[in-house]
Amino acid sequence: MVRLKLRWTETALAEFGRMLTYYNVRNGNSKYSRTIVRMVNDSLKLVTKFPQMYRLVDAEEIQDIRMFHCEYFSIYYRIKDSEILVEAVFDTRRNPEDSPY
């Protein structure tokens, strides 16, 4: 099985960083943030091996975006050429109307 390369968009990386910073400040330490990073990375490793394992986002205006839940977080990605492109990270405890997709 060929493992695809993983790449993050600048938007997804910035949002993920803001989310981790929020939890660092709120909790007064980085323990929970490190747990989030580990969970997301473990899930994305699996996606690089099995890129079509998660469902496509069900919206007519959006094509080829897949999504999976990782505890309280939704990770949106697309398969592009020979790589996985992480498009967005969303904390599902936020207002659902703020969801990127």
PDB file of N, CA and C in Angstrom:
ATOM      1  N   MET A   1       0.844  -1.180   0.000  1.00  0.00           N
ATOM      2  CA  MET A   1       0.000   0.000   0.000  1.00  0.00           C
ATOM      3  C   MET A   1       0.894   1.251   0.000  1.00  0.00           C
ATOM      4  N   VAL A   2       0.660   2.127  -0.942  1.00  0.00           N
ATOM      5  CA  VAL A   2       1.429   3.362  -1.057  1.00  0.00           C
ATOM      6  C   VAL A   2       0.842   4.396  -0.112  1.00  0.00           C
ATOM      7  N   ARG A   3       1.713   5.047   0.627  1.00  0.00           N
ATOM      8  CA  ARG A   3       1.285   6.102   1.544  1.00  0.00           C
ATOM      9  C   ARG A   3       1.382   7.440   0.826  1.00  0.00           C
ATOM     10  N   LEU A   4       0.293   8.207   0.847  1.00  0.00           N
ATOM     11  CA  LEU A   4       0.272   9.508   0.197  1.00  0.00           C
ATOM     12  C   LEU A   4       0.945  10.558   1.077  1.00  0.00           C
ATOM     13  N   LYS A   5       1.469  11.572   0.436  1.00  0.00           N
ATOM     14  CA  LYS A   5       2.085  12.682   1.140  1.00  0.00           C
ATOM     15  C   LYS A   5       0.984  13.514   1.805  1.00  0.00           C
ATOM     16  N   LEU A   6       1.273  14.084   2.958  1.00  0.00           N
ATOM     17  CA  LEU A   6       0.315  14.905   3.690  1.00  0.00           C
ATOM     18  C   LEU A   6       0.767  16.359   3.639  1.00  0.00           C
ATOM     19  N   ARG A   7      -0.178  17.248   3.296  1.00  0.00           N
ATOM     20  CA  ARG A   7       0.123  18.678   3.242  1.00  0.00           C
ATOM     21  C   ARG A   7      -1.066  19.440   3.830  1.00  0.00           C
ATOM     22  N   TRP A   8      -0.799  20.512   4.545  1.00  0.00           N
ATOM     23  CA  TRP A   8      -1.827  21.362   5.151  1.00  0.00           C
ATOM     24  C   TRP A   8      -1.913  22.669   4.379  1.00  0.00           C
ATOM     25  N   THR A   9      -3.120  23.181   4.183  1.00  0.00           N
ATOM     26  CA  THR A   9      -3.250  24.523   3.618  1.00  0.00           C
ATOM     27  C   THR A   9      -2.850  25.518   4.706  1.00  0.00           C
ATOM     28  N   GLU A  10      -2.475  26.708   4.293  1.00  0.00           N
ATOM     29  CA  GLU A  10      -2.114  27.737   5.271  1.00  0.00           C
ATOM     30  C   GLU A  10      -3.289  28.055   6.185  1.00  0.00           C
ATOM     31  N   THR A  11      -4.492  28.079   5.619  1.00  0.00           N
ATOM     32  CA  THR A  11      -5.695  28.372   6.397  1.00  0.00           C
ATOM     33  C   THR A  11      -5.919  27.312   7.472  1.00  0.00           C
ATOM     34  N   ALA A  12      -5.809  26.042   7.100  1.00  0.00           N
ATOM     35  CA  ALA A  12      -6.020  24.954   8.061  1.00  0.00           C
ATOM     36  C   ALA A  12      -4.957  24.983   9.157  1.00  0.00           C
ATOM     37  N   LEU A  13      -3.724  25.223   8.775  1.00  0.00           N
ATOM     38  CA  LEU A  13      -2.639  25.274   9.745  1.00  0.00           C
ATOM     39  C   LEU A  13      -2.816  26.446  10.713  1.00  0.00           C
ATOM     40  N   ALA A  14      -3.228  27.594  10.195  1.00  0.00           N
ATOM     41  CA  ALA A  14      -3.450  28.764  11.048  1.00  0.00           C
ATOM     42  C   ALA A  14      -4.605  28.518  12.023  1.00  0.00           C
ATOM     43  N   GLU A  15      -5.693  27.952  11.533  1.00  0.00           N
ATOM     44  CA  GLU A  15      -6.847  27.672  12.401  1.00  0.00           C
ATOM     45  C   GLU A  15      -6.494  26.646  13.473  1.00  0.00           C
ATOM     46  N   PHE A  16      -5.753  25.617  13.092  1.00  0.00           N
ATOM     47  CA  PHE A  16      -5.333  24.598  14.052  1.00  0.00           C
ATOM     48  C   PHE A  16      -4.436  25.231  15.117  1.00  0.00           C
ATOM     49  N   GLY A  17      -3.531  26.093  14.700  1.00  0.00           N
ATOM     50  CA  GLY A  17      -2.652  26.789  15.643  1.00  0.00           C
ATOM     51  C   GLY A  17      -3.430  27.671  16.603  1.00  0.00           C
ATOM     52  N   ARG A  18      -4.439  28.399  16.084  1.00  0.00           N
ATOM     53  CA  ARG A  18      -5.272  29.245  16.950  1.00  0.00           C
ATOM     54  C   ARG A  18      -6.033  28.402  17.967  1.00  0.00           C
ATOM     55  N   MET A  19      -6.516  27.262  17.515  1.00  0.00           N
ATOM     56  CA  MET A  19      -7.256  26.379  18.406  1.00  0.00           C
ATOM     57  C   MET A  19      -6.344  25.853  19.518  1.00  0.00           C
ATOM     58  N   LEU A  20      -5.150  25.442  19.177  1.00  0.00           N
ATOM     59  CA  LEU A  20      -4.214  24.932  20.177  1.00  0.00           C
ATOM     60  C   LEU A  20      -3.813  26.027  21.159  1.00  0.00           C
ATOM     61  N   THR A  21      -3.597  27.229  20.655  1.00  0.00           N
ATOM     62  CA  THR A  21      -3.259  28.361  21.521  1.00  0.00           C
ATOM     63  C   THR A  21      -4.389  28.653  22.494  1.00  0.00           C
ATOM     64  N   TYR A  22      -5.618  28.607  22.005  1.00  0.00           N
ATOM     65  CA  TYR A  22      -6.778  28.831  22.867  1.00  0.00           C
ATOM     66  C   TYR A  22      -6.767  27.851  24.044  1.00  0.00           C
ATOM     67  N   TYR A  23      -6.559  26.571  23.764  1.00  0.00           N
ATOM     68  CA  TYR A  23      -6.560  25.577  24.839  1.00  0.00           C
ATOM     69  C   TYR A  23      -5.355  25.721  25.760  1.00  0.00           C
ATOM     70  N   ASN A  24      -4.213  26.127  25.221  1.00  0.00           N
ATOM     71  CA  ASN A  24      -3.043  26.382  26.069  1.00  0.00           C
ATOM     72  C   ASN A  24      -3.345  27.484  27.080  1.00  0.00           C
ATOM     73  N   VAL A  25      -3.942  28.558  26.601  1.00  0.00           N
ATOM     74  CA  VAL A  25      -4.250  29.703  27.467  1.00  0.00           C
ATOM     75  C   VAL A  25      -5.361  29.320  28.449  1.00  0.00           C
ATOM     76  N   ARG A  26      -6.414  28.725  27.948  1.00  0.00           N
ATOM     77  CA  ARG A  26      -7.545  28.381  28.804  1.00  0.00           C
ATOM     78  C   ARG A  26      -7.145  27.421  29.924  1.00  0.00           C
ATOM     79  N   ASN A  27      -6.324  26.417  29.589  1.00  0.00           N
ATOM     80  CA  ASN A  27      -5.942  25.404  30.573  1.00  0.00           C
ATOM     81  C   ASN A  27      -4.696  25.764  31.367  1.00  0.00           C
ATOM     82  N   GLY A  28      -3.972  26.768  30.909  1.00  0.00           N
ATOM     83  CA  GLY A  28      -2.746  27.156  31.613  1.00  0.00           C
ATOM     84  C   GLY A  28      -1.577  26.229  31.363  1.00  0.00           C
ATOM     85  N   ASN A  29      -1.716  25.296  30.433  1.00  0.00           N
ATOM     86  CA  ASN A  29      -0.611  24.405  30.053  1.00  0.00           C
ATOM     87  C   ASN A  29      -0.908  23.828  28.671  1.00  0.00           C
ATOM     88  N   SER A  30       0.027  23.060  28.144  1.00  0.00           N
ATOM     89  CA  SER A  30      -0.136  22.534  26.782  1.00  0.00           C
ATOM     90  C   SER A  30      -0.491  21.048  26.753  1.00  0.00           C
ATOM     91  N   LYS A  31      -0.843  20.472  27.882  1.00  0.00           N
ATOM     92  CA  LYS A  31      -1.127  19.030  27.935  1.00  0.00           C
ATOM     93  C   LYS A  31      -2.271  18.635  26.999  1.00  0.00           C
ATOM     94  N   TYR A  32      -3.393  19.335  27.060  1.00  0.00           N
ATOM     95  CA  TYR A  32      -4.532  18.994  26.203  1.00  0.00           C
ATOM     96  C   TYR A  32      -4.194  19.243  24.729  1.00  0.00           C
ATOM     97  N   SER A  33      -3.478  20.317  24.453  1.00  0.00           N
ATOM     98  CA  SER A  33      -3.091  20.613  23.069  1.00  0.00           C
ATOM     99  C   SER A  33      -2.213  19.507  22.489  1.00  0.00           C
ATOM    100  N   ARG A  34      -1.297  19.012  23.284  1.00  0.00           N
ATOM    101  CA  ARG A  34      -0.443  17.906  22.813  1.00  0.00           C
ATOM    102  C   ARG A  34      -1.280  16.655  22.525  1.00  0.00           C
ATOM    103  N   THR A  35      -2.306  16.423  23.349  1.00  0.00           N
ATOM    104  CA  THR A  35      -3.207  15.292  23.124  1.00  0.00           C
ATOM    105  C   THR A  35      -3.957  15.463  21.808  1.00  0.00           C
ATOM    106  N   ILE A  36      -4.431  16.683  21.542  1.00  0.00           N
ATOM    107  CA  ILE A  36      -5.138  16.966  20.285  1.00  0.00           C
ATOM    108  C   ILE A  36      -4.217  16.704  19.098  1.00  0.00           C
ATOM    109  N   VAL A  37      -3.006  17.225  19.159  1.00  0.00           N
ATOM    110  CA  VAL A  37      -2.043  17.052  18.059  1.00  0.00           C
ATOM    111  C   VAL A  37      -1.798  15.565  17.816  1.00  0.00           C
ATOM    112  N   ARG A  38      -1.620  14.814  18.872  1.00  0.00           N
ATOM    113  CA  ARG A  38      -1.372  13.376  18.744  1.00  0.00           C
ATOM    114  C   ARG A  38      -2.568  12.668  18.094  1.00  0.00           C
ATOM    115  N   MET A  39      -3.780  12.983  18.552  1.00  0.00           N
ATOM    116  CA  MET A  39      -4.979  12.349  17.979  1.00  0.00           C
ATOM    117  C   MET A  39      -5.126  12.669  16.495  1.00  0.00           C
ATOM    118  N   VAL A  40      -4.966  13.938  16.149  1.00  0.00           N
ATOM    119  CA  VAL A  40      -5.114  14.358  14.752  1.00  0.00           C
ATOM    120  C   VAL A  40      -4.027  13.713  13.889  1.00  0.00           C
ATOM    121  N   ASN A  41      -2.794  13.722  14.359  1.00  0.00           N
ATOM    122  CA  ASN A  41      -1.702  13.113  13.594  1.00  0.00           C
ATOM    123  C   ASN A  41      -1.901  11.617  13.394  1.00  0.00           C
ATOM    124  N   ASP A  42      -2.350  10.930  14.432  1.00  0.00           N
ATOM    125  CA  ASP A  42      -2.599   9.487  14.304  1.00  0.00           C
ATOM    126  C   ASP A  42      -3.689   9.214  13.265  1.00  0.00           C
ATOM    127  N   SER A  43      -4.749  10.010  13.297  1.00  0.00           N
ATOM    128  CA  SER A  43      -5.831   9.843  12.330  1.00  0.00           C
ATOM    129  C   SER A  43      -5.360  10.152  10.919  1.00  0.00           C
ATOM    130  N   LEU A  44      -4.566  11.204  10.767  1.00  0.00           N
ATOM    131  CA  LEU A  44      -4.081  11.573   9.438  1.00  0.00           C
ATOM    132  C   LEU A  44      -3.094  10.546   8.883  1.00  0.00           C
ATOM    133  N   LYS A  45      -2.343   9.885   9.751  1.00  0.00           N
ATOM    134  CA  LYS A  45      -1.463   8.808   9.287  1.00  0.00           C
ATOM    135  C   LYS A  45      -2.293   7.698   8.645  1.00  0.00           C
ATOM    136  N   LEU A  46      -3.411   7.398   9.259  1.00  0.00           N
ATOM    137  CA  LEU A  46      -4.301   6.390   8.706  1.00  0.00           C
ATOM    138  C   LEU A  46      -4.884   6.847   7.367  1.00  0.00           C
ATOM    139  N   VAL A  47      -5.216   8.129   7.280  1.00  0.00           N
ATOM    140  CA  VAL A  47      -5.763   8.684   6.032  1.00  0.00           C
ATOM    141  C   VAL A  47      -4.730   8.598   4.908  1.00  0.00           C
ATOM    142  N   THR A  48      -3.459   8.792   5.209  1.00  0.00           N
ATOM    143  CA  THR A  48      -2.439   8.704   4.157  1.00  0.00           C
ATOM    144  C   THR A  48      -2.332   7.290   3.595  1.00  0.00           C
ATOM    145  N   LYS A  49      -2.700   6.293   4.392  1.00  0.00           N
ATOM    146  CA  LYS A  49      -2.690   4.910   3.917  1.00  0.00           C
ATOM    147  C   LYS A  49      -3.989   4.540   3.203  1.00  0.00           C
ATOM    148  N   PHE A  50      -5.102   5.030   3.744  1.00  0.00           N
ATOM    149  CA  PHE A  50      -6.428   4.704   3.223  1.00  0.00           C
ATOM    150  C   PHE A  50      -7.207   5.995   2.975  1.00  0.00           C
ATOM    151  N   PRO A  51      -6.873   6.736   1.944  1.00  0.00           N
ATOM    152  CA  PRO A  51      -7.412   8.086   1.749  1.00  0.00           C
ATOM    153  C   PRO A  51      -8.918   8.174   1.540  1.00  0.00           C
ATOM    154  N   GLN A  52      -9.541   7.122   1.083  1.00  0.00           N
ATOM    155  CA  GLN A  52     -10.975   7.188   0.818  1.00  0.00           C
ATOM    156  C   GLN A  52     -11.811   6.569   1.937  1.00  0.00           C
ATOM    157  N   MET A  53     -11.207   6.370   3.083  1.00  0.00           N
ATOM    158  CA  MET A  53     -11.910   5.691   4.168  1.00  0.00           C
ATOM    159  C   MET A  53     -13.000   6.546   4.811  1.00  0.00           C
ATOM    160  N   TYR A  54     -12.924   7.858   4.675  1.00  0.00           N
ATOM    161  CA  TYR A  54     -13.933   8.727   5.267  1.00  0.00           C
ATOM    162  C   TYR A  54     -14.881   9.259   4.202  1.00  0.00           C
ATOM    163  N   ARG A  55     -16.040   9.670   4.642  1.00  0.00           N
ATOM    164  CA  ARG A  55     -17.107  10.058   3.721  1.00  0.00           C
ATOM    165  C   ARG A  55     -16.857  11.417   3.076  1.00  0.00           C
ATOM    166  N   LEU A  56     -17.439  11.591   1.911  1.00  0.00           N
ATOM    167  CA  LEU A  56     -17.425  12.880   1.240  1.00  0.00           C
ATOM    168  C   LEU A  56     -18.412  13.808   1.924  1.00  0.00           C
ATOM    169  N   VAL A  57     -18.088  15.090   1.974  1.00  0.00           N
ATOM    170  CA  VAL A  57     -19.011  16.080   2.517  1.00  0.00           C
ATOM    171  C   VAL A  57     -20.210  16.155   1.581  1.00  0.00           C
ATOM    172  N   ASP A  58     -21.388  16.133   2.150  1.00  0.00           N
ATOM    173  CA  ASP A  58     -22.616  16.098   1.370  1.00  0.00           C
ATOM    174  C   ASP A  58     -23.117  17.515   1.093  1.00  0.00           C
ATOM    175  N   ALA A  59     -22.556  18.136   0.077  1.00  0.00           N
ATOM    176  CA  ALA A  59     -22.980  19.475  -0.328  1.00  0.00           C
ATOM    177  C   ALA A  59     -22.725  19.622  -1.820  1.00  0.00           C
ATOM    178  N   GLU A  60     -23.712  20.130  -2.519  1.00  0.00           N
ATOM    179  CA  GLU A  60     -23.591  20.247  -3.976  1.00  0.00           C
ATOM    180  C   GLU A  60     -22.485  21.199  -4.407  1.00  0.00           C
ATOM    181  N   GLU A  61     -22.297  22.292  -3.651  1.00  0.00           N
ATOM    182  CA  GLU A  61     -21.315  23.295  -4.057  1.00  0.00           C
ATOM    183  C   GLU A  61     -19.878  22.907  -3.714  1.00  0.00           C
ATOM    184  N   ILE A  62     -19.708  21.844  -2.945  1.00  0.00           N
ATOM    185  CA  ILE A  62     -18.376  21.402  -2.528  1.00  0.00           C
ATOM    186  C   ILE A  62     -18.129  20.025  -3.127  1.00  0.00           C
ATOM    187  N   GLN A  63     -17.007  19.894  -3.795  1.00  0.00           N
ATOM    188  CA  GLN A  63     -16.689  18.604  -4.388  1.00  0.00           C
ATOM    189  C   GLN A  63     -15.366  18.084  -3.866  1.00  0.00           C
ATOM    190  N   ASP A  64     -15.324  16.800  -3.670  1.00  0.00           N
ATOM    191  CA  ASP A  64     -14.091  16.083  -3.317  1.00  0.00           C
ATOM    192  C   ASP A  64     -13.538  16.396  -1.933  1.00  0.00           C
ATOM    193  N   ILE A  65     -14.330  16.964  -1.048  1.00  0.00           N
ATOM    194  CA  ILE A  65     -13.877  17.203   0.322  1.00  0.00           C
ATOM    195  C   ILE A  65     -14.398  16.062   1.192  1.00  0.00           C
ATOM    196  N   ARG A  66     -13.498  15.467   1.948  1.00  0.00           N
ATOM    197  CA  ARG A  66     -13.869  14.408   2.881  1.00  0.00           C
ATOM    198  C   ARG A  66     -13.715  14.927   4.299  1.00  0.00           C
ATOM    199  N   MET A  67     -14.425  14.292   5.230  1.00  0.00           N
ATOM    200  CA  MET A  67     -14.411  14.768   6.600  1.00  0.00           C
ATOM    201  C   MET A  67     -14.430  13.592   7.562  1.00  0.00           C
ATOM    202  N   PHE A  68     -13.709  13.754   8.671  1.00  0.00           N
ATOM    203  CA  PHE A  68     -13.805  12.780   9.750  1.00  0.00           C
ATOM    204  C   PHE A  68     -13.762  13.512  11.082  1.00  0.00           C
ATOM    205  N   HIS A  69     -14.323  12.844  12.091  1.00  0.00           N
ATOM    206  CA  HIS A  69     -14.322  13.392  13.443  1.00  0.00           C
ATOM    207  C   HIS A  69     -13.198  12.759  14.237  1.00  0.00           C
ATOM    208  N   CYS A  70     -12.545  13.582  15.000  1.00  0.00           N
ATOM    209  CA  CYS A  70     -11.478  13.132  15.873  1.00  0.00           C
ATOM    210  C   CYS A  70     -11.788  13.757  17.238  1.00  0.00           C
ATOM    211  N   GLU A  71     -12.478  13.009  18.071  1.00  0.00           N
ATOM    212  CA  GLU A  71     -13.017  13.479  19.343  1.00  0.00           C
ATOM    213  C   GLU A  71     -13.949  14.660  19.096  1.00  0.00           C
ATOM    214  N   TYR A  72     -13.569  15.878  19.490  1.00  0.00           N
ATOM    215  CA  TYR A  72     -14.441  17.045  19.304  1.00  0.00           C
ATOM    216  C   TYR A  72     -14.090  17.853  18.059  1.00  0.00           C
ATOM    217  N   PHE A  73     -13.310  17.298  17.172  1.00  0.00           N
ATOM    218  CA  PHE A  73     -12.805  18.056  16.037  1.00  0.00           C
ATOM    219  C   PHE A  73     -13.178  17.393  14.719  1.00  0.00           C
ATOM    220  N   SER A  74     -13.506  18.214  13.749  1.00  0.00           N
ATOM    221  CA  SER A  74     -13.745  17.730  12.392  1.00  0.00           C
ATOM    222  C   SER A  74     -12.557  18.139  11.541  1.00  0.00           C
ATOM    223  N   ILE A  75     -12.035  17.195  10.796  1.00  0.00           N
ATOM    224  CA  ILE A  75     -10.902  17.443   9.910  1.00  0.00           C
ATOM    225  C   ILE A  75     -11.423  17.278   8.480  1.00  0.00           C
ATOM    226  N   TYR A  76     -11.217  18.302   7.673  1.00  0.00           N
ATOM    227  CA  TYR A  76     -11.657  18.289   6.279  1.00  0.00           C
ATOM    228  C   TYR A  76     -10.428  18.178   5.386  1.00  0.00           C
ATOM    229  N   TYR A  77     -10.487  17.272   4.419  1.00  0.00           N
ATOM    230  CA  TYR A  77      -9.345  17.079   3.523  1.00  0.00           C
ATOM    231  C   TYR A  77      -9.829  16.677   2.140  1.00  0.00           C
ATOM    232  N   ARG A  78      -8.919  16.786   1.195  1.00  0.00           N
ATOM    233  CA  ARG A  78      -9.197  16.308  -0.155  1.00  0.00           C
ATOM    234  C   ARG A  78      -7.990  15.516  -0.644  1.00  0.00           C
ATOM    235  N   ILE A  79      -8.271  14.607  -1.553  1.00  0.00           N
ATOM    236  CA  ILE A  79      -7.224  13.822  -2.193  1.00  0.00           C
ATOM    237  C   ILE A  79      -6.905  14.545  -3.487  1.00  0.00           C
ATOM    238  N   LYS A  80      -5.679  15.001  -3.604  1.00  0.00           N
ATOM    239  CA  LYS A  80      -5.285  15.791  -4.771  1.00  0.00           C
ATOM    240  C   LYS A  80      -3.978  15.237  -5.306  1.00  0.00           C
ATOM    241  N   ASP A  81      -4.025  14.741  -6.531  1.00  0.00           N
ATOM    242  CA  ASP A  81      -2.866  14.103  -7.152  1.00  0.00           C
ATOM    243  C   ASP A  81      -2.386  12.969  -6.244  1.00  0.00           C
ATOM    244  N   SER A  82      -1.180  13.034  -5.764  1.00  0.00           N
ATOM    245  CA  SER A  82      -0.658  11.956  -4.909  1.00  0.00           C
ATOM    246  C   SER A  82      -0.453  12.451  -3.479  1.00  0.00           C
ATOM    247  N   GLU A  83      -1.374  13.301  -3.018  1.00  0.00           N
ATOM    248  CA  GLU A  83      -1.248  13.804  -1.659  1.00  0.00           C
ATOM    249  C   GLU A  83      -2.607  14.013  -0.998  1.00  0.00           C
ATOM    250  N   ILE A  84      -2.565  14.101   0.312  1.00  0.00           N
ATOM    251  CA  ILE A  84      -3.731  14.447   1.120  1.00  0.00           C
ATOM    252  C   ILE A  84      -3.548  15.910   1.498  1.00  0.00           C
ATOM    253  N   LEU A  85      -4.531  16.726   1.166  1.00  0.00           N
ATOM    254  CA  LEU A  85      -4.468  18.153   1.461  1.00  0.00           C
ATOM    255  C   LEU A  85      -5.485  18.462   2.556  1.00  0.00           C
ATOM    256  N   VAL A  86      -5.000  18.800   3.756  1.00  0.00           N
ATOM    257  CA  VAL A  86      -5.883  19.152   4.861  1.00  0.00           C
ATOM    258  C   VAL A  86      -6.385  20.564   4.605  1.00  0.00           C
ATOM    259  N   GLU A  87      -7.694  20.702   4.436  1.00  0.00           N
ATOM    260  CA  GLU A  87      -8.316  21.979   4.078  1.00  0.00           C
ATOM    261  C   GLU A  87      -8.759  22.790   5.290  1.00  0.00           C
ATOM    262  N   ALA A  88      -9.224  22.108   6.348  1.00  0.00           N
ATOM    263  CA  ALA A  88      -9.750  22.830   7.504  1.00  0.00           C
ATOM    264  C   ALA A  88      -9.797  21.920   8.722  1.00  0.00           C
ATOM    265  N   VAL A  89      -9.726  22.556   9.888  1.00  0.00           N
ATOM    266  CA  VAL A  89      -9.917  21.892  11.170  1.00  0.00           C
ATOM    267  C   VAL A  89     -10.969  22.712  11.902  1.00  0.00           C
ATOM    268  N   PHE A  90     -11.968  22.022  12.465  1.00  0.00           N
ATOM    269  CA  PHE A  90     -13.056  22.738  13.118  1.00  0.00           C
ATOM    270  C   PHE A  90     -13.369  22.087  14.458  1.00  0.00           C
ATOM    271  N   ASP A  91     -13.407  22.887  15.497  1.00  0.00           N
ATOM    272  CA  ASP A  91     -13.804  22.420  16.829  1.00  0.00           C
ATOM    273  C   ASP A  91     -15.322  22.368  16.846  1.00  0.00           C
ATOM    274  N   THR A  92     -15.882  21.184  16.965  1.00  0.00           N
ATOM    275  CA  THR A  92     -17.334  21.013  16.853  1.00  0.00           C
ATOM    276  C   THR A  92     -18.096  21.566  18.053  1.00  0.00           C
ATOM    277  N   ARG A  93     -17.404  22.036  19.074  1.00  0.00           N
ATOM    278  CA  ARG A  93     -18.079  22.664  20.202  1.00  0.00           C
ATOM    279  C   ARG A  93     -18.383  24.134  19.922  1.00  0.00           C
ATOM    280  N   ARG A  94     -17.889  24.635  18.812  1.00  0.00           N
ATOM    281  CA  ARG A  94     -18.191  26.001  18.392  1.00  0.00           C
ATOM    282  C   ARG A  94     -19.554  26.044  17.711  1.00  0.00           C
ATOM    283  N   ASN A  95     -19.968  27.243  17.375  1.00  0.00           N
ATOM    284  CA  ASN A  95     -21.242  27.431  16.676  1.00  0.00           C
ATOM    285  C   ASN A  95     -21.184  26.677  15.344  1.00  0.00           C
ATOM    286  N   PRO A  96     -22.126  25.773  15.078  1.00  0.00           N
ATOM    287  CA  PRO A  96     -22.102  24.999  13.825  1.00  0.00           C
ATOM    288  C   PRO A  96     -22.173  25.860  12.574  1.00  0.00           C
ATOM    289  N   GLU A  97     -22.723  27.046  12.706  1.00  0.00           N
ATOM    290  CA  GLU A  97     -22.787  27.947  11.539  1.00  0.00           C
ATOM    291  C   GLU A  97     -21.417  28.463  11.137  1.00  0.00           C
ATOM    292  N   ASP A  98     -20.421  28.334  12.023  1.00  0.00           N
ATOM    293  CA  ASP A  98     -19.046  28.739  11.718  1.00  0.00           C
ATOM    294  C   ASP A  98     -18.251  27.651  10.997  1.00  0.00           C
ATOM    295  N   SER A  99     -18.862  26.490  10.830  1.00  0.00           N
ATOM    296  CA  SER A  99     -18.178  25.380  10.173  1.00  0.00           C
ATOM    297  C   SER A  99     -17.771  25.769   8.752  1.00  0.00           C
ATOM    298  N   PRO A 100     -16.569  25.379   8.327  1.00  0.00           N
ATOM    299  CA  PRO A 100     -16.103  25.770   6.999  1.00  0.00           C
ATOM    300  C   PRO A 100     -16.860  25.109   5.847  1.00  0.00           C
ATOM    301  N   TYR A 101     -17.492  23.958   6.109  1.00  0.00           N
ATOM    302  CA  TYR A 101     -18.189  23.250   5.035  1.00  0.00           C
ATOM    303  C   TYR A 101     -19.555  22.789   5.510  1.00  0.00           C
TER     304      TYR A 101
END
